[in-house]
Structure formats: C-alpha cells, structure tokens
Protein backbone atom coordinates (compact mmCIF):
# COMPACT_ATOMS: atom_id res chain seq x y z
CA MET A 1 -40.71 33.32 74.77
CA PRO A 2 -44.04 34.91 74.33
CA ALA A 3 -45.33 35.13 70.76
CA PRO A 4 -44.42 38.49 69.69
CA THR A 5 -46.52 41.85 69.69
CA PHE A 6 -45.67 42.26 65.95
CA SER A 7 -44.75 38.96 63.66
CA ASN A 8 -44.87 40.57 59.95
CA SER A 9 -42.70 44.09 60.90
CA PHE A 10 -39.14 44.57 60.24
CA LEU A 11 -36.31 46.34 60.05
CA TRP A 12 -34.95 47.09 56.49
CA SER A 13 -32.53 49.45 57.36
CA VAL A 14 -30.83 51.44 59.87
CA ALA A 15 -28.96 54.81 59.65
CA HIS A 16 -27.28 57.86 61.21
CA ALA A 17 -25.80 61.17 60.47
CA GLU A 18 -22.95 62.69 62.86
CA ALA A 19 -22.73 65.83 63.45
CA PRO A 20 -19.38 67.73 62.62
CA GLU A 21 -18.12 69.75 65.42
CA VAL A 22 -16.40 68.45 68.34
CA VAL A 23 -17.45 70.21 71.74
CA THR A 24 -15.46 68.74 74.54
CA SER A 25 -16.19 69.03 78.46
CA ALA A 26 -12.63 70.70 79.45
CA TRP A 27 -13.70 73.41 76.81
CA ILE A 28 -17.12 74.21 78.95
CA ASP A 29 -14.93 73.84 82.04
CA GLU A 30 -13.41 76.66 80.96
CA GLN A 31 -16.55 78.70 79.68
CA LEU A 32 -17.41 78.27 83.13
CA ARG A 33 -14.57 78.51 85.14
CA GLU A 34 -14.92 81.89 87.16
CA THR A 35 -18.81 80.58 88.00
CA TYR A 36 -16.97 77.23 89.30
CA GLU A 37 -14.40 79.02 91.52
CA ARG A 38 -17.04 81.66 92.52
CA CYS A 39 -19.37 78.56 93.84
CA GLU A 40 -16.74 76.33 94.92
CA ILE A 41 -17.82 73.58 92.51
CA ARG A 42 -14.87 70.79 90.91
CA PRO A 43 -14.16 71.04 87.76
CA GLY A 44 -13.83 68.36 85.49
CA LEU A 45 -17.59 66.58 86.66
CA LEU A 46 -18.96 66.40 83.09
CA GLU A 47 -16.14 64.28 82.44
CA SER A 48 -15.43 62.08 85.73
CA VAL A 49 -19.23 61.98 86.85
CA ALA A 50 -21.27 61.80 83.86
CA GLY A 51 -18.60 60.19 81.78
CA ILE A 52 -19.14 62.38 78.82
CA ILE A 53 -15.51 63.85 76.94
CA GLU A 54 -17.32 65.20 74.29
CA ARG A 55 -20.29 65.97 72.19
CA ARG A 56 -21.06 67.05 69.04
CA TRP A 57 -22.79 70.37 67.49
CA TRP A 58 -23.76 70.85 63.84
CA PRO A 59 -23.49 74.11 62.20
CA LYS A 60 -25.02 77.46 63.28
CA GLU A 61 -26.70 77.53 59.79
CA MET A 62 -28.07 73.87 59.82
CA THR A 63 -31.62 73.27 60.90
CA PHE A 64 -32.76 70.05 62.78
CA ASP A 65 -35.04 69.20 59.92
CA GLU A 66 -32.46 68.98 57.58
CA ALA A 67 -30.69 66.98 60.31
CA ALA A 68 -32.99 64.35 60.09
CA ALA A 69 -33.57 64.20 56.27
CA LEU A 70 -29.92 64.03 56.20
CA ALA A 71 -30.05 60.81 58.06
CA GLY A 72 -33.19 59.61 56.18
CA GLN A 73 -31.77 59.83 52.71
CA ARG A 74 -29.30 57.12 53.98
CA ALA A 75 -31.51 55.11 55.54
CA ILE A 76 -33.69 54.95 52.41
CA ASP A 77 -30.49 54.44 50.09
CA ALA A 78 -29.39 51.47 52.60
CA ALA A 79 -32.82 49.83 52.16
CA GLY A 80 -32.24 49.76 48.81
CA ILE A 81 -35.49 51.66 48.05
CA ALA A 82 -37.16 55.25 46.69
CA ALA A 83 -38.52 58.49 47.70
CA LYS A 84 -41.78 57.46 46.61
CA ASP A 85 -41.96 54.11 48.04
CA ILE A 86 -42.32 55.68 51.10
CA ASP A 87 -45.83 56.07 52.66
CA MET A 88 -45.86 56.78 55.85
CA LEU A 89 -43.01 59.26 57.47
CA ILE A 90 -42.74 59.56 61.38
CA SER A 91 -40.37 62.55 62.77
CA THR A 92 -40.15 62.09 66.40
CA SER A 93 -37.28 64.69 67.06
CA VAL A 94 -37.47 66.91 70.24
CA CYS A 95 -36.05 69.84 68.65
CA LYS A 96 -37.64 71.99 66.95
CA HIS A 97 -37.34 75.57 65.39
CA HIS A 98 -41.15 76.60 65.97
CA LEU A 99 -44.50 74.86 67.01
CA GLU A 100 -45.92 74.47 63.79
CA PRO A 101 -45.68 73.35 61.14
CA SER A 102 -44.34 70.00 62.19
CA VAL A 103 -40.91 68.89 61.60
CA ALA A 104 -41.85 66.00 59.85
CA CYS A 105 -43.71 68.36 56.73
CA ALA A 106 -39.98 69.49 56.26
CA VAL A 107 -38.19 66.51 56.10
CA HIS A 108 -41.29 64.85 53.27
CA TYR A 109 -40.58 67.99 51.33
CA ARG A 110 -36.14 67.77 51.79
CA LEU A 111 -36.48 64.04 50.94
CA GLY A 112 -39.16 64.19 48.16
CA LEU A 113 -41.57 61.83 49.29
CA SER A 114 -45.27 60.75 47.28
CA THR A 115 -47.88 63.56 48.18
CA SER A 116 -49.94 60.25 49.51
CA ALA A 117 -47.18 59.64 52.47
CA VAL A 118 -48.90 60.65 55.51
CA ASN A 119 -46.33 62.78 57.57
CA PHE A 120 -46.38 63.07 61.47
CA ASP A 121 -44.32 64.38 64.09
CA LEU A 122 -44.50 61.99 67.40
CA GLY A 123 -42.95 63.33 70.62
CA ASN A 124 -42.04 61.47 73.93
CA ALA A 125 -39.13 63.05 75.36
CA CYS A 126 -36.52 60.58 74.66
CA LEU A 127 -38.18 57.63 74.29
CA GLY A 128 -40.69 59.18 70.87
CA PHE A 129 -38.12 56.95 68.11
CA VAL A 130 -38.82 53.48 70.77
CA ASN A 131 -42.83 54.59 70.52
CA ALA A 132 -42.67 55.20 66.53
CA MET A 133 -41.23 52.36 65.82
CA ASP A 134 -43.72 50.48 67.77
CA ILE A 135 -46.26 52.61 65.69
CA ALA A 136 -44.77 51.64 62.60
CA ALA A 137 -45.49 48.09 63.22
CA MET A 138 -49.02 48.79 63.85
CA ALA A 139 -49.70 50.23 60.36
CA ILE A 140 -47.13 47.51 58.52
CA GLU A 141 -49.43 44.63 60.75
CA THR A 142 -52.51 46.46 59.85
CA GLY A 143 -51.68 47.03 56.27
CA ARG A 144 -52.06 50.59 56.64
CA ALA A 145 -48.53 51.13 55.65
CA ARG A 146 -45.87 48.74 53.64
CA THR A 147 -42.74 51.16 54.00
CA VAL A 148 -42.13 53.62 56.84
CA LEU A 149 -39.75 55.55 57.46
CA ILE A 150 -38.68 57.26 60.95
CA VAL A 151 -36.03 59.94 61.54
CA ASP A 152 -34.94 62.31 64.12
CA GLY A 153 -32.56 65.02 64.30
CA GLU A 154 -31.36 66.73 67.60
CA GLY A 155 -28.89 69.30 68.59
CA SER A 156 -27.79 70.64 71.85
CA ARG A 157 -25.96 73.80 70.45
CA PHE A 158 -28.32 76.48 71.08
CA THR A 159 -29.13 74.78 74.63
CA GLN A 160 -25.84 74.89 75.62
CA GLU A 161 -24.61 78.08 74.33
CA ALA A 162 -27.62 79.81 76.68
CA THR A 163 -27.09 77.83 78.90
CA ILE A 164 -22.99 78.75 79.55
CA ASP A 165 -24.29 82.60 79.15
CA ARG A 166 -26.71 82.07 81.57
CA LEU A 167 -24.37 80.51 84.06
CA ARG A 168 -21.53 82.95 83.19
CA ARG A 169 -23.42 85.78 85.21
CA ASN A 170 -22.52 86.48 88.33
CA SER A 171 -26.32 85.95 89.89
CA THR A 172 -25.51 82.73 89.00
CA THR A 173 -25.51 79.98 92.48
CA VAL A 174 -24.61 76.28 93.24
CA THR A 175 -28.23 75.55 92.87
CA ASP A 176 -28.55 76.87 89.33
CA VAL A 177 -25.58 75.08 88.05
CA PHE A 178 -26.51 71.10 89.67
CA ASP A 179 -30.17 72.35 88.63
CA GLN A 180 -28.90 73.10 84.81
CA PHE A 181 -25.86 70.48 84.65
CA ALA A 182 -28.19 67.99 82.58
CA SER A 183 -27.77 70.98 79.47
CA LEU A 184 -24.21 70.33 79.43
CA THR A 185 -24.42 66.81 78.81
CA LEU A 186 -26.80 67.07 75.90
CA GLY A 187 -25.06 66.08 72.43
CA SER A 188 -26.04 66.65 68.39
CA GLY A 189 -27.06 63.69 65.89
CA ALA A 190 -29.83 62.44 63.70
CA ALA A 191 -30.52 58.93 62.92
CA ALA A 192 -33.39 56.68 60.91
CA VAL A 193 -34.77 53.66 59.96
CA VAL A 194 -37.16 52.29 57.71
CA MET A 195 -39.37 49.68 57.90
CA GLY A 196 -41.30 47.19 56.50
CA GLY A 197 -42.89 43.68 55.56
CA PRO A 198 -40.65 40.39 55.45
CA ARG A 199 -37.79 40.56 52.84
CA LEU A 200 -34.57 38.94 52.44
CA GLY A 201 -31.99 41.01 54.64
CA ALA A 202 -34.57 42.34 57.07
CA HIS A 203 -34.55 42.23 60.87
CA GLN A 204 -37.57 41.47 62.52
CA TYR A 205 -39.24 43.75 65.33
CA LEU A 206 -40.95 41.80 67.66
CA GLY A 207 -42.56 44.59 70.01
CA GLY A 208 -42.31 44.45 73.29
CA ILE A 209 -43.68 46.66 77.05
CA ALA A 210 -44.06 50.19 78.45
CA ARG A 211 -44.58 51.66 81.45
CA ALA A 212 -45.01 54.94 82.72
CA ALA A 213 -44.49 56.86 86.68
CA THR A 214 -46.14 60.03 85.13
CA ALA A 215 -46.63 61.53 89.06
CA ASN A 216 -42.63 62.32 88.04
CA HIS A 217 -43.36 64.23 84.88
CA ASP A 218 -41.93 67.79 86.45
CA LEU A 219 -38.70 65.66 87.31
CA CYS A 220 -37.70 67.49 83.88
CA VAL A 221 -38.72 70.19 81.90
CA GLY A 222 -37.27 71.70 79.11
CA ASP A 223 -37.33 73.40 75.64
CA LEU A 224 -34.45 75.25 73.29
CA ASP A 225 -33.13 77.63 76.08
CA THR A 226 -33.45 75.85 79.31
CA MET A 227 -32.89 72.25 80.72
CA ARG A 228 -33.90 72.26 84.45
CA THR A 229 -33.39 68.70 85.88
CA ASP A 230 -33.57 66.95 89.42
CA THR A 231 -30.77 64.72 88.37
CA ALA A 232 -30.83 62.55 91.88
CA VAL A 233 -34.74 62.07 91.77
CA LEU A 234 -34.76 61.51 88.43
CA LEU A 235 -32.02 59.00 88.43
CA LEU A 236 -33.89 57.37 91.21
CA GLN A 237 -37.07 57.49 89.83
CA GLY A 238 -36.44 56.33 86.65
CA LEU A 239 -34.58 53.41 87.94
CA THR A 240 -37.56 52.25 89.65
CA LEU A 241 -39.52 52.32 87.09
CA ALA A 242 -36.77 50.50 84.73
CA LYS A 243 -36.87 47.19 87.14
CA GLU A 244 -40.66 47.57 87.54
CA ALA A 245 -40.92 47.67 83.54
CA PHE A 246 -38.62 45.16 83.06
CA ALA A 247 -39.87 42.54 85.31
CA ALA A 248 -42.75 42.92 84.05
CA ALA A 249 -41.55 42.03 80.62
CA LEU A 250 -40.09 38.87 82.27
CA ASP A 251 -43.53 38.00 84.18
CA LEU A 252 -44.97 38.21 80.51
CA GLY A 253 -42.25 35.65 79.21
CA TRP A 254 -40.07 38.05 77.34
CA GLU A 255 -36.20 36.32 77.73
CA TRP A 256 -34.81 39.75 78.16
CA THR A 257 -32.12 38.50 80.47
CA ASN A 258 -30.01 36.41 78.36
CA CYS A 259 -30.23 38.52 74.91
CA ASP A 260 -27.20 39.15 72.35
CA ARG A 261 -27.18 43.12 72.90
CA TYR A 262 -28.44 45.68 74.74
CA VAL A 263 -28.81 48.79 72.63
CA MET A 264 -29.84 51.56 75.92
CA HIS A 265 -31.22 55.36 75.77
CA GLN A 266 -27.53 57.26 76.17
CA VAL A 267 -27.53 59.23 79.14
CA SER A 268 -24.60 59.28 81.36
CA LYS A 269 -21.85 56.97 82.69
CA VAL A 270 -23.80 57.07 86.17
CA HIS A 271 -27.56 55.71 84.69
CA THR A 272 -25.70 53.74 82.51
CA SER A 273 -23.60 51.74 84.77
CA ARG A 274 -26.69 51.93 87.73
CA LEU A 275 -29.39 50.68 84.58
CA CYS A 276 -27.39 47.82 84.23
CA GLU A 277 -26.52 47.04 87.64
CA GLU A 278 -30.17 46.68 88.88
CA LEU A 279 -31.58 44.57 85.37
CA GLY A 280 -28.44 42.50 85.89
CA VAL A 281 -27.68 43.44 82.36
CA PRO A 282 -23.75 42.83 81.34
CA LEU A 283 -22.26 46.25 80.74
CA ASN A 284 -19.83 44.77 77.80
CA LEU A 285 -23.19 43.98 76.30
CA VAL A 286 -24.49 47.32 76.03
CA PRO A 287 -22.55 49.73 72.93
CA LEU A 288 -21.52 52.57 74.72
CA THR A 289 -21.81 56.10 72.65
CA TYR A 290 -22.88 59.32 75.30
CA PRO A 291 -18.45 59.73 76.37
CA HIS A 292 -17.85 60.73 72.94
CA PHE A 293 -21.65 62.20 71.44
CA GLY A 294 -23.32 63.22 75.14
CA ASN A 295 -27.21 62.40 75.29
CA MET A 296 -28.83 62.46 72.14
CA GLY A 297 -32.59 62.26 72.98
CA PRO A 298 -34.59 60.29 70.96
CA ALA A 299 -31.75 59.57 68.35
CA ALA A 300 -29.64 58.03 70.84
CA VAL A 301 -30.99 54.58 70.84
CA PRO A 302 -31.46 54.22 66.66
CA TYR A 303 -28.18 56.17 66.81
CA THR A 304 -26.11 53.66 68.48
CA LEU A 305 -28.06 50.59 66.57
CA SER A 306 -26.70 52.68 63.58
CA THR A 307 -22.81 52.44 64.39
CA ILE A 308 -23.18 48.47 65.52
CA ALA A 309 -24.93 47.09 63.07
CA ASP A 310 -22.19 45.77 60.77
CA GLN A 311 -21.23 44.01 63.93
CA ILE A 312 -24.84 42.03 64.53
CA SER A 313 -24.31 38.78 63.78
CA GLU A 314 -27.70 36.86 62.10
CA GLY A 315 -30.02 35.46 64.40
CA GLU A 316 -29.07 37.61 67.12
CA ARG A 317 -31.57 38.89 69.63
CA VAL A 318 -31.21 42.76 70.13
CA VAL A 319 -33.38 44.97 73.10
CA LEU A 320 -33.46 48.58 72.84
CA MET A 321 -34.66 50.52 75.80
CA GLY A 322 -35.04 53.46 77.40
CA ILE A 323 -36.23 55.86 80.28
CA GLY A 324 -37.89 59.04 78.78
CA SER A 325 -38.50 62.32 81.11
CA GLY A 326 -41.81 62.42 82.13
CA LEU A 327 -41.21 59.34 83.00
CA ASN A 328 -42.12 56.53 81.06
CA CYS A 329 -40.10 53.73 80.12
CA ALA A 330 -39.89 51.18 77.03
CA ALA A 331 -38.23 48.38 75.60
CA ALA A 332 -38.50 46.24 72.27
CA GLU A 333 -37.01 43.43 71.40
CA LEU A 334 -35.23 43.04 67.83
CA ARG A 335 -34.08 39.79 66.08
CA TRP A 336 -31.54 40.27 63.88
C-alpha cells in the first residue's frame, strides 16, 4: 500500500437521520398511471429496473438545514464532544431553499457552534461529502482545525411533487418521462461525521484519489424543480470514468481489490451492479440503501456508512466511493 495521503486524520463518529414519510414507487406509478397508458410505458420501472421500492420524504415544514442539523447533533453526541469543540463546519447539501446565505450558516446557528467556528457550503453534486472529508483532513493535518463537522441534508419531496405534476400534463411525451425519470429515484435523508486527530476508538482516514471527465457536465442538470438526465449516456460515461479512476488508484499502489467493504454512492440497481462488475468488486461487500431510501445524493455515502458502522470490526478496510454528475469520481479509504 502507498504512503497514505493523510496520517493524522480520523473519523470520530458518523450518524444519520431518517426522513419519516415513506413514499413507494407503486404510489408514484399510480400518480402517473394515465401518462404511462397514453405514452405506452410499462409501469413498475422504478422498482423492476432502478430497484427502488420506496424512498423517504421529510414533512413539508422541514427545512434542509434542520435535517442537516439533526444528523449533525447526533454525530456530535456520538463523538462525545460539545458543540463548542467544533472548529470547522462544512455543509455539502445539494438541496437549498435559497442561494444566500449558505446552508452552513443555519446549521451553525441551530447547533449553537462557537463564533470562532468557520462554516461554509461545499457543493459538488453527489461527491460533495467525500470531497469535504478530504478538505477536513487537510485542515486537521495542517493544524487549521482540530475538530471538523461535516453535514448533509437532502430532500426529494418538492422535486418529486413538481415532477409528478409536470408529467401528468396531457402534453407529456415518452421523451419527457425518461428525461425526468431520474428525478423519481431521489430520496430524502441526512448524515454527518465528526473528524479530528488520533484518539482511542477513532477510524483513520487515509485519503484516496479523484478524477474528472467534465466534458460530460451537461448529462445531468437539475434544481429543486426539475432534473433532466440522459440516463443511458450518464451511466456509460460514469462507468468509464470510474474504471479509469480505479485503475489509476491501483497503479498508485492503493490495494482496493481486497478491501472488506465498499460504501458506494447509491443510485440504482443498474448503476450499482454494473459498477461492481466493471471494478471487480463483490456485490456482497457493498451495503445497499437505495432499495428503501432511493438516491440521497451526497448524503448517500455517509448515510450508508452510518447504517453499518456498528457491524464493522476493528482493522477492517472500508472504501468510500462515488460518481457525481459533472462528471467527477472520487474514492477514499478508511482503516476502521
């Protein structure tokens, strides 16, 4: 194994918050029944092809920063520290109610962090959280911060309600449905981690690699109202980039063909199975959350990690990896 990118950065805790309202794919199919019949589209694709049985929604009055703060407080409690101990807060939420101020400002306020705790948003589609862990490690290694909290709160209610309303119009075509199909795979959830220096029970963050293929930046474009995706080409280009990134990591000496667990960004059954096939990763080593939670964007990796954290044994090697629209790919290793 190569010398790790980082030597003094550790994961102190990881936590998640589950959105309470269950929204089944069968319910969405029923909302679009007339559109499917008119466009001659077979219902059930969300479950049979994407593999998403259901996803979660936050209550209507729940804001994204509230969700992020909920997970953040759980991570702080799990780390056994106080809010005043946080030196840096990074919010990686894609979902935002407005352009200004940052989501981090509201989370900082809700958690009662110190006025000296620097706080900011970091956005990079579904890779934001993994990127933030790298930045946190840089801050810890250089002494810029002792304790970093990273949070993410995502919500799919508004996007999916708007998409369903739009697709129910009489003018909707087959192309419209498939261009916006990915919007219906989204899910809601929140996750957070606390990172710091070495301490008893912490898990070492070794760092990893990142690769870009930004010629594909227009394959998936979205906001809270609409997400337009060229699903087939996005899958193909994403897999190509992932293979290149994984091969580069192996060339650099990362021994990622024999790790104990692979926590991947959760998109769908097709994406996950194809990615495992292309990288030679055993599917049984990939914990899955997409069937019941959908694609939670940048929250997916930490959320999934949180759900299995109590099952990971000391010394296990865990790879965090994902592909984000743009296209960007990143992966990093944790030594538990």
